């Protein structure tokens, strides 16, 4: 048991050190702002969901370079706190905010597992591409729930164990888990049933579960592509195809209005919108 706890702690520590190293913030911002079509579709879908559901006093936990904090802060009715473990990420966030004429974001260096905020402080907590990366996801979510007001909204996404399990039934080779235990590859793959049950036990009602981001790490596409080379070719083709602006928006619309309702077995990622009781 102790070995498992130490391993979990090491993964979080190593991830923190990795993303806090000099230059990591620049690499991160280049990645999330890439013109690659699949990334742009993901950004469009996530931004739409976040802006629709997060209002009031908002904590953007694990803000990175601020791809959600800044759009949220453009609404004058919102107050946004952007928190990250990396000072470089926060500096990039500040610089980009200044370029957009935003001066209202409060930037805080901190640990998502040990928040320094008071209980029941925020109307919404947004944490995208964060919770999934840590074995301590339950501890992190407990902190988000603690600082969230009753009636407040929690928005985050998780890797789908349902998707992995279904793919494994078809082909164990291409449906294997992505995580191998190392800090770099680790992702918490959780079934929606397990997550929903845990959230319910911890005071969160799931308002909505959305399957999305169908092209990223989709094991079914890997199976159809026959091998890893075929999958790389598939990704390259679709990244180029969806660079075309109208096609990006069309695919994002399809995900937001049609594919969102599919069970969590169909995509590697699903978004959760919860409300604190």
C-alpha atoms as a PDB file:
ATOM      1  CA  UNK A   1       0.000   0.000   0.000  1.00  0.00           C
ATOM      2  CA  UNK A   2       2.777   2.437   0.920  1.00  0.00           C
ATOM      3  CA  UNK A   3       4.573   1.704  -2.347  1.00  0.00           C
ATOM      4  CA  UNK A   4       1.443   2.616  -4.269  1.00  0.00           C
ATOM      5  CA  UNK A   5       1.054   5.878  -2.362  1.00  0.00           C
ATOM      6  CA  UNK A   6       4.716   6.776  -2.940  1.00  0.00           C
ATOM      7  CA  UNK A   7       4.367   5.974  -6.638  1.00  0.00           C
ATOM      8  CA  UNK A   8       1.292   8.205  -6.899  1.00  0.00           C
ATOM      9  CA  UNK A   9       3.123  10.996  -5.099  1.00  0.00           C
ATOM     10  CA  UNK A  10       6.134  10.595  -7.382  1.00  0.00           C
ATOM     11  CA  UNK A  11       3.978  10.847 -10.515  1.00  0.00           C
ATOM     12  CA  UNK A  12       2.425  14.104  -9.354  1.00  0.00           C
ATOM     13  CA  UNK A  13       5.783  15.501  -8.223  1.00  0.00           C
ATOM     14  CA  UNK A  14       7.477  14.600 -11.494  1.00  0.00           C
ATOM     15  CA  UNK A  15       4.660  16.068 -13.570  1.00  0.00           C
ATOM     16  CA  UNK A  16       4.898  19.276 -11.556  1.00  0.00           C
ATOM     17  CA  UNK A  17       8.649  19.486 -12.069  1.00  0.00           C
ATOM     18  CA  UNK A  18       8.314  18.673 -15.774  1.00  0.00           C
ATOM     19  CA  UNK A  19       5.800  21.454 -16.479  1.00  0.00           C
ATOM     20  CA  UNK A  20       7.667  23.914 -14.246  1.00  0.00           C
ATOM     21  CA  UNK A  21      10.991  23.534 -16.035  1.00  0.00           C
ATOM     22  CA  UNK A  22      12.228  26.543 -18.063  1.00  0.00           C
ATOM     23  CA  UNK A  23      10.593  26.695 -21.495  1.00  0.00           C
ATOM     24  CA  UNK A  24       7.787  24.241 -20.693  1.00  0.00           C
ATOM     25  CA  UNK A  25       5.190  27.001 -20.638  1.00  0.00           C
ATOM     26  CA  UNK A  26       6.138  28.108 -24.149  1.00  0.00           C
ATOM     27  CA  UNK A  27       5.931  24.512 -25.416  1.00  0.00           C
ATOM     28  CA  UNK A  28       2.532  24.096 -23.761  1.00  0.00           C
ATOM     29  CA  UNK A  29       1.121  27.275 -25.311  1.00  0.00           C
ATOM     30  CA  UNK A  30       2.423  26.303 -28.739  1.00  0.00           C
ATOM     31  CA  UNK A  31       0.717  22.933 -28.368  1.00  0.00           C
ATOM     32  CA  UNK A  32      -2.731  24.155 -27.309  1.00  0.00           C
ATOM     33  CA  UNK A  33      -2.721  26.960 -29.887  1.00  0.00           C
ATOM     34  CA  UNK A  34      -1.491  24.724 -32.719  1.00  0.00           C
ATOM     35  CA  UNK A  35      -3.250  25.080 -36.061  1.00  0.00           C
ATOM     36  CA  UNK A  36      -3.625  21.278 -36.253  1.00  0.00           C
ATOM     37  CA  UNK A  37      -7.270  20.605 -37.031  1.00  0.00           C
ATOM     38  CA  UNK A  38      -7.928  18.011 -34.321  1.00  0.00           C
ATOM     39  CA  UNK A  39      -6.563  20.346 -31.640  1.00  0.00           C
ATOM     40  CA  UNK A  40      -8.639  23.252 -32.924  1.00  0.00           C
ATOM     41  CA  UNK A  41     -11.833  21.164 -32.860  1.00  0.00           C
ATOM     42  CA  UNK A  42     -11.070  20.153 -29.275  1.00  0.00           C
ATOM     43  CA  UNK A  43     -10.474  23.807 -28.332  1.00  0.00           C
ATOM     44  CA  UNK A  44     -13.737  24.932 -29.932  1.00  0.00           C
ATOM     45  CA  UNK A  45     -15.792  22.262 -28.175  1.00  0.00           C
ATOM     46  CA  UNK A  46     -14.196  22.772 -24.756  1.00  0.00           C
ATOM     47  CA  UNK A  47     -14.419  26.561 -24.936  1.00  0.00           C
ATOM     48  CA  UNK A  48     -18.095  26.409 -25.906  1.00  0.00           C
ATOM     49  CA  UNK A  49     -18.919  24.104 -22.995  1.00  0.00           C
ATOM     50  CA  UNK A  50     -16.941  26.167 -20.473  1.00  0.00           C
ATOM     51  CA  UNK A  51     -18.341  29.552 -21.544  1.00  0.00           C
ATOM     52  CA  UNK A  52     -21.885  28.196 -21.510  1.00  0.00           C
ATOM     53  CA  UNK A  53     -21.691  26.724 -18.006  1.00  0.00           C
ATOM     54  CA  UNK A  54     -19.201  28.781 -15.939  1.00  0.00           C
ATOM     55  CA  UNK A  55     -20.454  32.105 -14.574  1.00  0.00           C
ATOM     56  CA  UNK A  56     -19.807  34.419 -11.645  1.00  0.00           C
ATOM     57  CA  UNK A  57     -16.763  34.009  -9.422  1.00  0.00           C
ATOM     58  CA  UNK A  58     -14.749  31.364 -11.277  1.00  0.00           C
ATOM     59  CA  UNK A  59     -11.638  29.366 -10.398  1.00  0.00           C
ATOM     60  CA  UNK A  60      -9.688  28.139 -13.427  1.00  0.00           C
ATOM     61  CA  UNK A  61      -7.663  25.416 -11.691  1.00  0.00           C
ATOM     62  CA  UNK A  62      -4.584  24.344 -13.625  1.00  0.00           C
ATOM     63  CA  UNK A  63      -5.052  27.311 -15.915  1.00  0.00           C
ATOM     64  CA  UNK A  64      -1.883  26.773 -17.962  1.00  0.00           C
ATOM     65  CA  UNK A  65      -1.486  29.647 -20.396  1.00  0.00           C
ATOM     66  CA  UNK A  66      -5.073  30.733 -19.827  1.00  0.00           C
ATOM     67  CA  UNK A  67      -7.040  29.379 -22.773  1.00  0.00           C
ATOM     68  CA  UNK A  68     -10.188  29.395 -20.600  1.00  0.00           C
ATOM     69  CA  UNK A  69      -9.370  32.120 -18.086  1.00  0.00           C
ATOM     70  CA  UNK A  70      -9.093  34.781 -20.776  1.00  0.00           C
ATOM     71  CA  UNK A  71     -12.365  34.040 -22.618  1.00  0.00           C
ATOM     72  CA  UNK A  72     -14.155  33.833 -19.268  1.00  0.00           C
ATOM     73  CA  UNK A  73     -12.675  37.179 -18.188  1.00  0.00           C
ATOM     74  CA  UNK A  74     -13.981  38.887 -21.330  1.00  0.00           C
ATOM     75  CA  UNK A  75     -17.428  38.667 -19.725  1.00  0.00           C
ATOM     76  CA  UNK A  76     -17.553  41.670 -17.325  1.00  0.00           C
ATOM     77  CA  UNK A  77     -20.004  39.801 -15.084  1.00  0.00           C
ATOM     78  CA  UNK A  78     -17.346  37.181 -14.305  1.00  0.00           C
ATOM     79  CA  UNK A  79     -14.441  37.411 -11.890  1.00  0.00           C
ATOM     80  CA  UNK A  80     -11.699  34.907 -12.680  1.00  0.00           C
ATOM     81  CA  UNK A  81      -8.954  33.412 -10.524  1.00  0.00           C
ATOM     82  CA  UNK A  82      -6.297  31.609 -12.593  1.00  0.00           C
ATOM     83  CA  UNK A  83      -4.244  29.098 -10.594  1.00  0.00           C
ATOM     84  CA  UNK A  84      -1.288  27.032 -11.738  1.00  0.00           C
ATOM     85  CA  UNK A  85       1.738  25.234 -10.260  1.00  0.00           C
ATOM     86  CA  UNK A  86       4.042  26.692 -12.915  1.00  0.00           C
ATOM     87  CA  UNK A  87       5.125  30.320 -12.544  1.00  0.00           C
ATOM     88  CA  UNK A  88       6.131  30.377 -16.212  1.00  0.00           C
ATOM     89  CA  UNK A  89       2.624  29.327 -17.228  1.00  0.00           C
ATOM     90  CA  UNK A  90       1.218  32.163 -15.143  1.00  0.00           C
ATOM     91  CA  UNK A  91       3.619  34.669 -16.691  1.00  0.00           C
ATOM     92  CA  UNK A  92       2.592  33.628 -20.201  1.00  0.00           C
ATOM     93  CA  UNK A  93      -1.036  33.824 -19.101  1.00  0.00           C
ATOM     94  CA  UNK A  94      -0.491  37.373 -17.828  1.00  0.00           C
ATOM     95  CA  UNK A  95       1.277  38.435 -21.026  1.00  0.00           C
ATOM     96  CA  UNK A  96      -1.464  37.054 -23.275  1.00  0.00           C
ATOM     97  CA  UNK A  97      -4.106  38.662 -21.069  1.00  0.00           C
ATOM     98  CA  UNK A  98      -2.405  42.041 -21.363  1.00  0.00           C
ATOM     99  CA  UNK A  99      -2.279  41.667 -25.139  1.00  0.00           C
ATOM    100  CA  UNK A 100      -6.037  41.103 -25.128  1.00  0.00           C
ATOM    101  CA  UNK A 101      -6.623  44.101 -22.867  1.00  0.00           C
ATOM    102  CA  UNK A 102      -7.636  41.974 -19.870  1.00  0.00           C
ATOM    103  CA  UNK A 103      -6.590  43.257 -16.451  1.00  0.00           C
ATOM    104  CA  UNK A 104      -9.189  41.625 -14.207  1.00  0.00           C
ATOM    105  CA  UNK A 105      -7.756  38.095 -13.803  1.00  0.00           C
ATOM    106  CA  UNK A 106      -6.201  37.254 -10.438  1.00  0.00           C
ATOM    107  CA  UNK A 107      -3.166  35.011 -10.943  1.00  0.00           C
ATOM    108  CA  UNK A 108      -2.206  32.627  -8.141  1.00  0.00           C
ATOM    109  CA  UNK A 109       0.609  30.100  -7.865  1.00  0.00           C
ATOM    110  CA  UNK A 110      -0.671  27.005  -6.117  1.00  0.00           C
ATOM    111  CA  UNK A 111      -1.249  23.266  -5.858  1.00  0.00           C
ATOM    112  CA  UNK A 112      -4.623  21.957  -7.056  1.00  0.00           C
ATOM    113  CA  UNK A 113      -4.565  19.245  -4.395  1.00  0.00           C
ATOM    114  CA  UNK A 114      -4.043  21.780  -1.588  1.00  0.00           C
ATOM    115  CA  UNK A 115      -6.027  24.919  -2.404  1.00  0.00           C
ATOM    116  CA  UNK A 116      -5.652  27.902  -0.070  1.00  0.00           C
ATOM    117  CA  UNK A 117      -9.159  29.254  -0.696  1.00  0.00           C
ATOM    118  CA  UNK A 118     -12.003  29.298   1.796  1.00  0.00           C
ATOM    119  CA  UNK A 119     -14.864  26.813   1.722  1.00  0.00           C
ATOM    120  CA  UNK A 120     -17.801  27.682  -0.550  1.00  0.00           C
ATOM    121  CA  UNK A 121     -15.944  30.525  -2.286  1.00  0.00           C
ATOM    122  CA  UNK A 122     -16.555  30.024  -6.020  1.00  0.00           C
ATOM    123  CA  UNK A 123     -19.625  29.901  -8.233  1.00  0.00           C
ATOM    124  CA  UNK A 124     -17.786  27.653 -10.689  1.00  0.00           C
ATOM    125  CA  UNK A 125     -14.596  25.616 -10.846  1.00  0.00           C
ATOM    126  CA  UNK A 126     -13.188  24.885 -14.299  1.00  0.00           C
ATOM    127  CA  UNK A 127     -10.336  22.385 -14.689  1.00  0.00           C
ATOM    128  CA  UNK A 128      -9.705  21.126 -18.206  1.00  0.00           C
ATOM    129  CA  UNK A 129      -6.924  18.668 -19.113  1.00  0.00           C
ATOM    130  CA  UNK A 130      -5.831  18.637 -15.483  1.00  0.00           C
ATOM    131  CA  UNK A 131      -7.625  16.162 -13.194  1.00  0.00           C
ATOM    132  CA  UNK A 132      -7.072  13.247 -15.576  1.00  0.00           C
ATOM    133  CA  UNK A 133      -3.294  13.469 -15.259  1.00  0.00           C
ATOM    134  CA  UNK A 134      -3.009  12.550 -11.579  1.00  0.00           C
ATOM    135  CA  UNK A 135      -3.512   9.374  -9.526  1.00  0.00           C
ATOM    136  CA  UNK A 136      -4.812  11.716  -6.793  1.00  0.00           C
ATOM    137  CA  UNK A 137      -7.832  12.739  -8.895  1.00  0.00           C
ATOM    138  CA  UNK A 138     -10.225  12.075  -6.011  1.00  0.00           C
ATOM    139  CA  UNK A 139      -8.253  14.328  -3.636  1.00  0.00           C
ATOM    140  CA  UNK A 140      -8.128  17.050  -6.290  1.00  0.00           C
ATOM    141  CA  UNK A 141     -11.859  16.876  -6.952  1.00  0.00           C
ATOM    142  CA  UNK A 142     -12.547  16.985  -3.206  1.00  0.00           C
ATOM    143  CA  UNK A 143     -10.674  20.292  -3.054  1.00  0.00           C
ATOM    144  CA  UNK A 144     -12.657  21.661  -5.995  1.00  0.00           C
ATOM    145  CA  UNK A 145     -15.887  20.613  -4.292  1.00  0.00           C
ATOM    146  CA  UNK A 146     -14.784  22.171  -0.996  1.00  0.00           C
ATOM    147  CA  UNK A 147     -14.198  25.622  -2.487  1.00  0.00           C
ATOM    148  CA  UNK A 148     -17.355  25.478  -4.620  1.00  0.00           C
ATOM    149  CA  UNK A 149     -20.519  27.149  -3.339  1.00  0.00           C
ATOM    150  CA  UNK A 150     -23.673  25.055  -2.911  1.00  0.00           C
ATOM    151  CA  UNK A 151     -25.429  25.257  -6.258  1.00  0.00           C
ATOM    152  CA  UNK A 152     -22.077  25.979  -7.933  1.00  0.00           C
ATOM    153  CA  UNK A 153     -20.880  24.325 -11.139  1.00  0.00           C
ATOM    154  CA  UNK A 154     -17.940  21.942 -11.553  1.00  0.00           C
ATOM    155  CA  UNK A 155     -16.586  21.420 -15.082  1.00  0.00           C
ATOM    156  CA  UNK A 156     -13.823  18.946 -15.908  1.00  0.00           C
ATOM    157  CA  UNK A 157     -13.041  16.082 -18.268  1.00  0.00           C
ATOM    158  CA  UNK A 158     -11.829  12.534 -17.750  1.00  0.00           C
ATOM    159  CA  UNK A 159     -10.328   9.688 -19.762  1.00  0.00           C
ATOM    160  CA  UNK A 160     -12.899   6.994 -20.485  1.00  0.00           C
ATOM    161  CA  UNK A 161     -12.164   3.537 -19.095  1.00  0.00           C
ATOM    162  CA  UNK A 162     -15.375   2.492 -20.859  1.00  0.00           C
ATOM    163  CA  UNK A 163     -13.716   3.284 -24.192  1.00  0.00           C
ATOM    164  CA  UNK A 164     -10.526   1.425 -23.314  1.00  0.00           C
ATOM    165  CA  UNK A 165     -12.414  -1.633 -22.042  1.00  0.00           C
ATOM    166  CA  UNK A 166     -14.591  -1.852 -25.155  1.00  0.00           C
ATOM    167  CA  UNK A 167     -11.564  -1.512 -27.444  1.00  0.00           C
ATOM    168  CA  UNK A 168      -9.773  -4.257 -25.516  1.00  0.00           C
ATOM    169  CA  UNK A 169     -12.661  -6.613 -26.252  1.00  0.00           C
ATOM    170  CA  UNK A 170     -12.102  -6.009 -29.950  1.00  0.00           C
ATOM    171  CA  UNK A 171      -8.313  -5.950 -30.013  1.00  0.00           C
ATOM    172  CA  UNK A 172      -6.146  -6.113 -26.912  1.00  0.00           C
ATOM    173  CA  UNK A 173      -3.175  -4.824 -28.876  1.00  0.00           C
ATOM    174  CA  UNK A 174      -4.746  -1.521 -29.884  1.00  0.00           C
ATOM    175  CA  UNK A 175      -7.069  -1.135 -26.922  1.00  0.00           C
ATOM    176  CA  UNK A 176      -4.459  -1.344 -24.181  1.00  0.00           C
ATOM    177  CA  UNK A 177      -4.403   1.373 -21.579  1.00  0.00           C
ATOM    178  CA  UNK A 178      -2.393   4.439 -22.464  1.00  0.00           C
ATOM    179  CA  UNK A 179      -0.891   4.739 -18.992  1.00  0.00           C
ATOM    180  CA  UNK A 180       2.146   2.615 -18.223  1.00  0.00           C
ATOM    181  CA  UNK A 181       2.773   3.974 -14.733  1.00  0.00           C
ATOM    182  CA  UNK A 182       5.436   6.494 -15.727  1.00  0.00           C
ATOM    183  CA  UNK A 183       4.815  10.125 -14.867  1.00  0.00           C
ATOM    184  CA  UNK A 184       4.812  11.278 -18.499  1.00  0.00           C
ATOM    185  CA  UNK A 185       2.162   8.913 -19.826  1.00  0.00           C
ATOM    186  CA  UNK A 186      -0.013   8.572 -16.734  1.00  0.00           C
ATOM    187  CA  UNK A 187      -3.710   9.302 -17.168  1.00  0.00           C
ATOM    188  CA  UNK A 188      -6.496   8.302 -14.797  1.00  0.00           C
ATOM    189  CA  UNK A 189      -8.854   6.252 -16.959  1.00  0.00           C
ATOM    190  CA  UNK A 190     -12.186   6.126 -15.121  1.00  0.00           C
ATOM    191  CA  UNK A 191     -15.527   4.670 -16.139  1.00  0.00           C
ATOM    192  CA  UNK A 192     -18.401   7.122 -16.132  1.00  0.00           C
ATOM    193  CA  UNK A 193     -20.417   4.909 -13.780  1.00  0.00           C
ATOM    194  CA  UNK A 194     -17.576   4.920 -11.236  1.00  0.00           C
ATOM    195  CA  UNK A 195     -17.070   8.668 -11.531  1.00  0.00           C
ATOM    196  CA  UNK A 196     -20.793   9.458 -11.291  1.00  0.00           C
ATOM    197  CA  UNK A 197     -21.127   7.272  -8.179  1.00  0.00           C
ATOM    198  CA  UNK A 198     -18.105   8.923  -6.537  1.00  0.00           C
ATOM    199  CA  UNK A 199     -19.347  12.435  -7.341  1.00  0.00           C
ATOM    200  CA  UNK A 200     -22.772  11.602  -5.910  1.00  0.00           C
ATOM    201  CA  UNK A 201     -21.173  10.364  -2.681  1.00  0.00           C
ATOM    202  CA  UNK A 202     -19.230  13.633  -2.462  1.00  0.00           C
ATOM    203  CA  UNK A 203     -22.116  16.029  -2.966  1.00  0.00           C
ATOM    204  CA  UNK A 204     -22.075  16.565  -6.736  1.00  0.00           C
ATOM    205  CA  UNK A 205     -25.044  15.857  -9.008  1.00  0.00           C
ATOM    206  CA  UNK A 206     -24.010  15.202 -12.598  1.00  0.00           C
ATOM    207  CA  UNK A 207     -26.020  17.605 -14.743  1.00  0.00           C
ATOM    208  CA  UNK A 208     -24.515  16.453 -18.004  1.00  0.00           C
ATOM    209  CA  UNK A 209     -21.971  14.028 -19.421  1.00  0.00           C
ATOM    210  CA  UNK A 210     -20.696  14.787 -22.939  1.00  0.00           C
ATOM    211  CA  UNK A 211     -18.636  12.457 -25.104  1.00  0.00           C
ATOM    212  CA  UNK A 212     -16.284  14.560 -27.228  1.00  0.00           C
ATOM    213  CA  UNK A 213     -12.822  14.904 -28.800  1.00  0.00           C
ATOM    214  CA  UNK A 214     -13.418  11.890 -31.027  1.00  0.00           C
ATOM    215  CA  UNK A 215     -10.133  12.015 -32.930  1.00  0.00           C
ATOM    216  CA  UNK A 216      -7.692  12.138 -29.999  1.00  0.00           C
ATOM    217  CA  UNK A 217      -6.394   8.754 -28.785  1.00  0.00           C
ATOM    218  CA  UNK A 218      -9.460   6.980 -30.186  1.00  0.00           C
ATOM    219  CA  UNK A 219      -8.737   3.258 -29.968  1.00  0.00           C
ATOM    220  CA  UNK A 220     -11.379   2.389 -32.562  1.00  0.00           C
ATOM    221  CA  UNK A 221      -9.518   4.492 -35.126  1.00  0.00           C
ATOM    222  CA  UNK A 222      -6.316   2.742 -34.117  1.00  0.00           C
ATOM    223  CA  UNK A 223      -7.949  -0.619 -34.713  1.00  0.00           C
ATOM    224  CA  UNK A 224      -9.297   0.473 -38.101  1.00  0.00           C
ATOM    225  CA  UNK A 225      -5.865   1.847 -39.038  1.00  0.00           C
ATOM    226  CA  UNK A 226      -4.398  -1.683 -38.607  1.00  0.00           C
ATOM    227  CA  UNK A 227      -1.093  -0.506 -37.104  1.00  0.00           C
ATOM    228  CA  UNK A 228       0.603   2.500 -35.495  1.00  0.00           C
ATOM    229  CA  UNK A 229       1.908   3.750 -38.828  1.00  0.00           C
ATOM    230  CA  UNK A 230      -1.597   3.711 -40.263  1.00  0.00           C
ATOM    231  CA  UNK A 231      -2.880   5.599 -37.245  1.00  0.00           C
ATOM    232  CA  UNK A 232      -0.187   8.274 -37.626  1.00  0.00           C
ATOM    233  CA  UNK A 233      -1.155   8.683 -41.287  1.00  0.00           C
ATOM    234  CA  UNK A 234      -4.820   8.921 -40.273  1.00  0.00           C
ATOM    235  CA  UNK A 235      -4.024  11.645 -37.745  1.00  0.00           C
ATOM    236  CA  UNK A 236      -1.912  13.595 -40.212  1.00  0.00           C
ATOM    237  CA  UNK A 237      -4.638  13.524 -42.869  1.00  0.00           C
ATOM    238  CA  UNK A 238      -7.354  14.673 -40.498  1.00  0.00           C
ATOM    239  CA  UNK A 239      -5.160  17.348 -38.911  1.00  0.00           C
ATOM    240  CA  UNK A 240      -4.593  18.788 -42.376  1.00  0.00           C
ATOM    241  CA  UNK A 241      -8.224  18.415 -43.450  1.00  0.00           C
ATOM    242  CA  UNK A 242      -9.597  20.145 -40.377  1.00  0.00           C
ATOM    243  CA  UNK A 243      -7.257  23.081 -40.753  1.00  0.00           C
ATOM    244  CA  UNK A 244      -9.984  24.317 -43.095  1.00  0.00           C
ATOM    245  CA  UNK A 245     -11.920  26.743 -40.919  1.00  0.00           C
ATOM    246  CA  UNK A 246     -15.488  25.805 -41.973  1.00  0.00           C
ATOM    247  CA  UNK A 247     -14.751  22.090 -41.496  1.00  0.00           C
ATOM    248  CA  UNK A 248     -13.383  22.737 -37.992  1.00  0.00           C
ATOM    249  CA  UNK A 249     -16.584  24.476 -36.990  1.00  0.00           C
ATOM    250  CA  UNK A 250     -18.757  21.864 -38.665  1.00  0.00           C
ATOM    251  CA  UNK A 251     -17.061  19.038 -36.760  1.00  0.00           C
ATOM    252  CA  UNK A 252     -17.242  20.989 -33.495  1.00  0.00           C
ATOM    253  CA  UNK A 253     -20.968  21.556 -34.107  1.00  0.00           C
ATOM    254  CA  UNK A 254     -21.475  17.823 -34.743  1.00  0.00           C
ATOM    255  CA  UNK A 255     -19.684  16.952 -31.493  1.00  0.00           C
ATOM    256  CA  UNK A 256     -21.633  19.545 -29.507  1.00  0.00           C
ATOM    257  CA  UNK A 257     -25.072  18.731 -30.899  1.00  0.00           C
ATOM    258  CA  UNK A 258     -25.003  15.072 -31.951  1.00  0.00           C
ATOM    259  CA  UNK A 259     -21.989  13.038 -30.811  1.00  0.00           C
ATOM    260  CA  UNK A 260     -22.162  14.417 -27.262  1.00  0.00           C
ATOM    261  CA  UNK A 261     -25.062  12.055 -26.550  1.00  0.00           C
ATOM    262  CA  UNK A 262     -23.215   8.870 -27.499  1.00  0.00           C
ATOM    263  CA  UNK A 263     -22.165   6.575 -24.620  1.00  0.00           C
ATOM    264  CA  UNK A 264     -18.702   7.075 -23.183  1.00  0.00           C
ATOM    265  CA  UNK A 265     -17.442   3.918 -24.921  1.00  0.00           C
ATOM    266  CA  UNK A 266     -17.114   5.811 -28.214  1.00  0.00           C
ATOM    267  CA  UNK A 267     -14.481   8.412 -27.322  1.00  0.00           C
ATOM    268  CA  UNK A 268     -11.421   8.460 -25.106  1.00  0.00           C
ATOM    269  CA  UNK A 269     -12.576  11.685 -23.443  1.00  0.00           C
ATOM    270  CA  UNK A 270     -15.787  12.779 -21.787  1.00  0.00           C
ATOM    271  CA  UNK A 271     -16.740  16.061 -20.161  1.00  0.00           C
ATOM    272  CA  UNK A 272     -18.640  16.282 -16.882  1.00  0.00           C
ATOM    273  CA  UNK A 273     -20.777  19.182 -15.718  1.00  0.00           C
ATOM    274  CA  UNK A 274     -21.781  18.830 -12.091  1.00  0.00           C
ATOM    275  CA  UNK A 275     -23.653  20.868  -9.522  1.00  0.00           C
ATOM    276  CA  UNK A 276     -22.858  20.952  -5.804  1.00  0.00           C
ATOM    277  CA  UNK A 277     -25.742  20.128  -3.523  1.00  0.00           C
END
